N, C-alpha and C. Protein backbone atom coordinates (compact mmCIF):
# COMPACT_ATOMS: atom_id res chain seq x y z
N MET A 1 -14.93 -25.37 6.85
CA MET A 1 -14.45 -24.65 5.37
C MET A 1 -13.58 -25.08 4.38
N LYS A 2 -12.81 -26.24 5.32
CA LYS A 2 -12.05 -26.78 4.02
C LYS A 2 -13.06 -27.36 2.94
N SER A 3 -13.92 -27.39 3.16
CA SER A 3 -15.17 -28.29 2.31
C SER A 3 -15.79 -27.53 1.53
N LEU A 4 -16.22 -25.98 2.70
CA LEU A 4 -16.77 -25.07 2.16
C LEU A 4 -15.96 -24.78 0.50
N LEU A 5 -14.89 -24.41 0.94
CA LEU A 5 -13.76 -23.89 0.10
C LEU A 5 -13.45 -24.77 -1.03
N ARG A 6 -13.78 -25.90 -0.76
CA ARG A 6 -13.17 -27.32 -2.20
C ARG A 6 -14.67 -27.02 -3.05
N LYS A 7 -15.54 -27.07 -2.28
CA LYS A 7 -17.02 -27.08 -3.15
C LYS A 7 -17.33 -26.13 -4.11
N HIS A 8 -16.90 -25.15 -3.21
CA HIS A 8 -16.91 -23.57 -3.53
C HIS A 8 -15.94 -22.93 -4.87
N ARG A 9 -15.06 -23.30 -4.70
CA ARG A 9 -13.26 -23.32 -5.93
C ARG A 9 -13.71 -22.43 -6.64
N SER A 10 -14.32 -22.48 -7.61
CA SER A 10 -14.36 -21.89 -8.76
C SER A 10 -15.31 -20.34 -8.18
N ASP A 11 -15.76 -20.25 -7.52
CA ASP A 11 -17.09 -19.21 -6.97
C ASP A 11 -15.88 -18.34 -6.16
N ILE A 12 -15.17 -18.74 -5.67
CA ILE A 12 -14.34 -17.62 -4.61
C ILE A 12 -13.44 -16.85 -5.17
N ALA A 13 -13.71 -15.85 -4.09
CA ALA A 13 -12.61 -14.23 -4.28
C ALA A 13 -11.86 -13.94 -3.04
N LEU A 14 -10.73 -13.51 -2.75
CA LEU A 14 -10.04 -12.30 -2.28
C LEU A 14 -10.47 -11.32 -2.29
N VAL A 15 -10.79 -10.74 -1.08
CA VAL A 15 -11.10 -9.10 -1.29
C VAL A 15 -9.88 -8.45 0.15
N ILE A 16 -8.99 -8.08 -0.29
CA ILE A 16 -8.55 -7.43 0.74
C ILE A 16 -8.48 -5.93 1.01
N GLY A 17 -8.41 -5.09 1.81
CA GLY A 17 -8.29 -4.03 2.25
C GLY A 17 -7.68 -3.52 2.06
N ASN A 18 -7.81 -1.58 2.22
CA ASN A 18 -6.06 -0.89 1.99
C ASN A 18 -5.47 -1.69 3.79
N GLY A 19 -5.56 -2.49 4.85
CA GLY A 19 -5.05 -2.96 5.71
C GLY A 19 -3.89 -3.29 5.66
N ILE A 20 -3.87 -3.81 4.51
CA ILE A 20 -3.16 -4.57 4.07
C ILE A 20 -1.32 -3.11 3.93
N ASN A 21 -2.05 -2.01 3.34
CA ASN A 21 -0.50 -0.84 3.37
C ASN A 21 -0.44 -0.17 4.43
N ARG A 22 -1.46 -1.06 5.78
CA ARG A 22 -0.84 -0.58 7.11
C ARG A 22 -0.66 -0.56 8.31
N TYR A 23 -0.35 -2.44 7.69
CA TYR A 23 0.67 -3.23 7.65
C TYR A 23 2.26 -3.04 8.56
N ARG A 24 3.04 -3.00 9.30
CA ARG A 24 4.67 -3.30 9.82
C ARG A 24 4.63 -1.56 8.70
N ARG A 25 6.04 -1.70 8.13
CA ARG A 25 6.59 -0.92 7.17
C ARG A 25 5.75 -0.27 5.78
N ALA A 26 4.91 -1.12 5.50
CA ALA A 26 3.97 -0.51 4.11
C ALA A 26 3.31 0.71 4.46
N HIS A 27 2.82 1.59 5.59
CA HIS A 27 1.67 2.44 5.70
C HIS A 27 3.30 3.73 5.32
N GLN A 28 4.75 3.64 5.52
CA GLN A 28 4.84 5.08 5.71
C GLN A 28 5.46 5.19 4.11
N THR A 29 5.65 3.76 2.61
CA THR A 29 5.43 4.44 1.50
C THR A 29 4.39 3.83 0.62
N ASN A 30 3.24 3.79 1.11
CA ASN A 30 2.20 2.77 0.36
C ASN A 30 0.82 3.54 0.95
N SER A 31 0.84 5.22 1.04
CA SER A 31 -0.27 5.46 1.95
C SER A 31 -1.45 6.49 1.08
N TRP A 32 -2.90 5.78 1.55
CA TRP A 32 -3.99 6.75 0.18
C TRP A 32 -4.25 7.90 0.62
N HIS A 33 -3.74 8.82 1.87
CA HIS A 33 -3.40 9.36 2.81
C HIS A 33 -3.11 10.51 1.69
N ASP A 34 -1.50 10.12 1.86
CA ASP A 34 -0.21 10.84 1.84
C ASP A 34 -0.70 10.74 -0.25
N LEU A 35 -1.01 9.92 -0.74
CA LEU A 35 -1.51 10.42 -2.53
C LEU A 35 -2.50 11.27 -2.62
N LEU A 36 -3.82 10.97 -1.81
CA LEU A 36 -4.35 11.92 -1.64
C LEU A 36 -4.44 13.77 -0.98
N VAL A 37 -3.26 13.63 -0.57
CA VAL A 37 -2.97 15.30 0.35
C VAL A 37 -2.56 15.72 -1.27
N LYS A 38 -1.12 14.61 -1.76
CA LYS A 38 -0.61 15.07 -2.50
C LYS A 38 -1.50 15.84 -4.08
N LEU A 39 -2.75 14.87 -4.16
CA LEU A 39 -3.31 15.34 -5.66
C LEU A 39 -3.71 16.80 -5.22
N ALA A 40 -4.25 16.85 -3.85
CA ALA A 40 -5.16 17.91 -3.32
C ALA A 40 -4.22 19.32 -3.38
N ALA A 41 -3.48 19.00 -3.27
CA ALA A 41 -2.76 20.27 -2.82
C ALA A 41 -2.30 20.20 -4.62
N LYS A 42 -2.19 20.24 -5.24
CA LYS A 42 -2.39 20.76 -7.00
C LYS A 42 -3.47 20.43 -7.65
N HIS A 43 -5.11 20.01 -7.32
CA HIS A 43 -6.00 20.76 -7.46
C HIS A 43 -7.20 20.86 -6.68
N LEU A 44 -6.22 21.11 -5.66
CA LEU A 44 -8.01 22.20 -4.77
C LEU A 44 -7.72 23.29 -3.37
N PRO A 45 -8.34 24.00 -3.90
CA PRO A 45 -8.54 25.29 -3.47
C PRO A 45 -7.15 25.16 -2.09
N ALA A 46 -6.45 25.87 -1.12
CA ALA A 46 -6.22 26.18 -0.06
C ALA A 46 -6.64 25.70 0.46
N ASP A 47 -8.13 26.28 1.39
CA ASP A 47 -8.62 25.18 2.36
C ASP A 47 -9.44 24.10 2.16
N LEU A 48 -9.12 23.13 1.52
CA LEU A 48 -9.00 21.78 1.12
C LEU A 48 -7.82 21.05 0.88
N ARG A 49 -6.83 21.27 1.37
CA ARG A 49 -6.04 20.47 1.34
C ARG A 49 -5.53 19.88 1.94
N SER A 50 -6.45 19.18 2.79
CA SER A 50 -6.18 18.07 3.17
C SER A 50 -7.33 16.74 3.46
N VAL A 51 -7.32 16.27 4.12
CA VAL A 51 -8.58 14.52 4.24
C VAL A 51 -9.63 15.33 5.26
N PRO A 52 -10.80 15.69 5.33
CA PRO A 52 -11.33 16.89 6.51
C PRO A 52 -11.79 14.57 7.72
N ARG A 53 -12.06 15.27 8.43
CA ARG A 53 -12.46 14.79 9.55
C ARG A 53 -13.33 14.08 9.39
N GLY A 54 -13.50 12.30 9.15
CA GLY A 54 -15.17 11.88 9.03
C GLY A 54 -15.43 11.85 7.63
N ILE A 55 -14.32 11.50 6.23
CA ILE A 55 -15.04 11.71 4.51
C ILE A 55 -14.02 10.86 4.54
N ALA A 56 -14.16 9.81 4.04
CA ALA A 56 -13.67 8.88 3.22
C ALA A 56 -12.89 8.84 2.48
N LEU A 57 -11.60 7.96 1.83
CA LEU A 57 -10.54 8.66 1.16
C LEU A 57 -11.45 8.25 -0.35
N THR A 58 -12.42 7.97 -0.48
CA THR A 58 -13.09 7.12 -1.68
C THR A 58 -13.80 8.24 -2.00
N GLU A 59 -14.36 8.77 -1.08
CA GLU A 59 -14.94 9.91 -1.06
C GLU A 59 -14.30 11.19 -1.61
N PHE A 60 -13.44 11.40 -0.92
CA PHE A 60 -12.10 12.81 -1.47
C PHE A 60 -12.21 12.99 -2.41
N TYR A 61 -11.66 11.34 -3.16
CA TYR A 61 -10.66 11.65 -4.20
C TYR A 61 -11.69 12.07 -5.59
N ASP A 62 -13.33 11.42 -4.87
CA ASP A 62 -14.58 12.17 -5.80
C ASP A 62 -14.28 13.37 -6.45
N VAL A 63 -14.40 13.69 -4.89
CA VAL A 63 -13.97 15.15 -4.59
C VAL A 63 -13.11 15.54 -5.60
N LEU A 64 -11.76 15.01 -5.70
CA LEU A 64 -10.60 15.61 -6.95
C LEU A 64 -11.05 15.70 -7.49
N GLU A 65 -11.93 14.58 -8.36
CA GLU A 65 -12.42 13.77 -9.33
C GLU A 65 -12.96 15.06 -9.88
N LEU A 66 -13.94 16.00 -9.41
CA LEU A 66 -14.56 16.68 -9.72
C LEU A 66 -14.41 17.56 -10.07
N GLN A 67 -13.54 18.32 -8.60
CA GLN A 67 -13.01 19.40 -9.26
C GLN A 67 -11.79 19.79 -10.63
N SER A 68 -11.17 18.26 -10.29
CA SER A 68 -9.89 18.00 -12.12
C SER A 68 -10.85 18.35 -13.04
N THR A 69 -12.37 18.41 -13.12
CA THR A 69 -12.76 18.41 -15.26
C THR A 69 -11.95 19.62 -14.95
N LYS A 70 -11.16 20.56 -14.79
CA LYS A 70 -10.41 21.16 -15.28
C LYS A 70 -8.95 21.46 -15.31
N PRO A 71 -8.31 20.83 -16.61
CA PRO A 71 -7.14 20.54 -15.90
C PRO A 71 -5.82 21.49 -15.98
N THR A 72 -4.94 21.47 -15.47
CA THR A 72 -4.21 22.61 -15.01
C THR A 72 -2.96 22.30 -15.45
N THR A 73 -2.65 21.12 -15.82
CA THR A 73 -1.34 20.44 -17.27
C THR A 73 -1.97 18.98 -17.57
N GLY A 74 -0.98 19.21 -18.40
CA GLY A 74 -1.34 18.09 -20.13
C GLY A 74 -1.98 16.29 -19.02
N THR A 75 -1.97 16.28 -18.14
CA THR A 75 -1.65 14.90 -17.78
C THR A 75 -3.19 14.85 -16.75
N THR A 76 -4.26 13.74 -16.90
CA THR A 76 -5.68 13.81 -15.93
C THR A 76 -5.11 12.92 -15.11
N LEU A 77 -5.97 13.26 -13.43
CA LEU A 77 -6.30 12.77 -12.46
C LEU A 77 -5.16 11.72 -12.03
N GLN A 78 -6.18 10.69 -13.27
CA GLN A 78 -5.60 8.79 -12.84
C GLN A 78 -4.83 9.36 -13.42
N GLN A 79 -3.93 9.93 -14.72
CA GLN A 79 -2.26 9.09 -14.51
C GLN A 79 -1.34 10.02 -13.28
N GLU A 80 -2.01 11.38 -12.68
CA GLU A 80 -0.58 11.31 -11.36
C GLU A 80 -1.23 10.66 -10.52
N PHE A 81 -2.53 10.06 -10.33
CA PHE A 81 -3.03 9.16 -9.29
C PHE A 81 -2.34 8.21 -9.80
N CYS A 82 -2.05 7.05 -10.47
CA CYS A 82 -0.92 5.76 -11.29
C CYS A 82 0.50 6.24 -11.43
N ASP A 83 0.76 7.62 -11.46
CA ASP A 83 2.46 7.45 -11.87
C ASP A 83 2.91 7.67 -10.04
N LEU A 84 1.94 8.75 -8.91
CA LEU A 84 1.79 8.48 -7.53
C LEU A 84 2.04 7.01 -7.09
N LEU A 85 0.87 6.08 -7.72
CA LEU A 85 0.66 4.96 -7.29
C LEU A 85 1.86 3.75 -7.68
N ALA A 86 2.86 4.65 -8.41
CA ALA A 86 4.15 3.49 -9.30
C ALA A 86 4.98 3.65 -7.61
N SER A 87 5.32 4.52 -7.10
CA SER A 87 6.05 4.40 -6.22
C SER A 87 5.73 3.09 -4.79
N TRP A 88 5.18 2.87 -5.13
CA TRP A 88 4.71 2.00 -3.92
C TRP A 88 4.93 0.77 -3.69
N ARG A 89 5.68 0.22 -2.82
CA ARG A 89 6.29 -1.02 -2.99
C ARG A 89 5.71 -2.38 -2.10
N TYR A 90 5.93 -3.39 -2.69
CA TYR A 90 5.58 -4.36 -1.89
C TYR A 90 6.41 -4.57 -1.26
N TYR A 91 5.82 -5.85 0.08
CA TYR A 91 6.70 -5.86 1.06
C TYR A 91 6.68 -7.61 1.08
N ASP A 92 7.31 -8.03 2.17
CA ASP A 92 6.81 -9.47 2.66
C ASP A 92 4.86 -10.20 2.86
N HIS A 93 4.75 -9.42 3.77
CA HIS A 93 3.48 -9.70 3.07
C HIS A 93 2.20 -9.24 2.72
N HIS A 94 2.55 -8.92 1.51
CA HIS A 94 2.62 -8.55 0.64
C HIS A 94 2.06 -10.16 -0.42
N GLN A 95 3.79 -10.28 -0.76
CA GLN A 95 4.14 -11.80 -0.96
C GLN A 95 3.90 -12.55 -1.13
N ARG A 96 3.14 -12.92 1.00
CA ARG A 96 3.29 -14.08 1.02
C ARG A 96 1.60 -14.32 1.16
N ILE A 97 0.91 -13.37 1.35
CA ILE A 97 -0.77 -13.41 0.45
C ILE A 97 -0.89 -14.02 -1.06
N VAL A 98 0.12 -13.03 -1.85
CA VAL A 98 -0.55 -13.39 -2.91
C VAL A 98 -0.28 -15.27 -3.35
N GLU A 99 0.49 -14.96 -2.53
CA GLU A 99 1.55 -17.17 -2.63
C GLU A 99 0.06 -17.81 -2.36
N TRP A 100 0.22 -17.31 -1.05
CA TRP A 100 -1.43 -17.94 -0.29
C TRP A 100 -2.29 -18.47 -1.35
N ALA A 101 -2.77 -17.36 -1.96
CA ALA A 101 -3.89 -17.00 -3.08
C ALA A 101 -4.14 -17.55 -3.97
């Protein structure tokens, strides 16, 4: 493994999924599900204000994006998303991965 890493060091990418936000306390503040549900409450009809079982969070975001083409406020869905994301925190395990990388 070390040999491969040395040989291909300029071609390496570290890909981290959402699992990092489900580790320890991070799930209490960094929840993609909760973020999307907040957006859904504002942009979707009442019967679609939660992520249906079997639907990926990315697919649910796509539904939100399609529905939000009719702005109800002066901000875009992307701006609302970023505003909600701004309250997320990083934790020790996030910092350890950054330092390691």
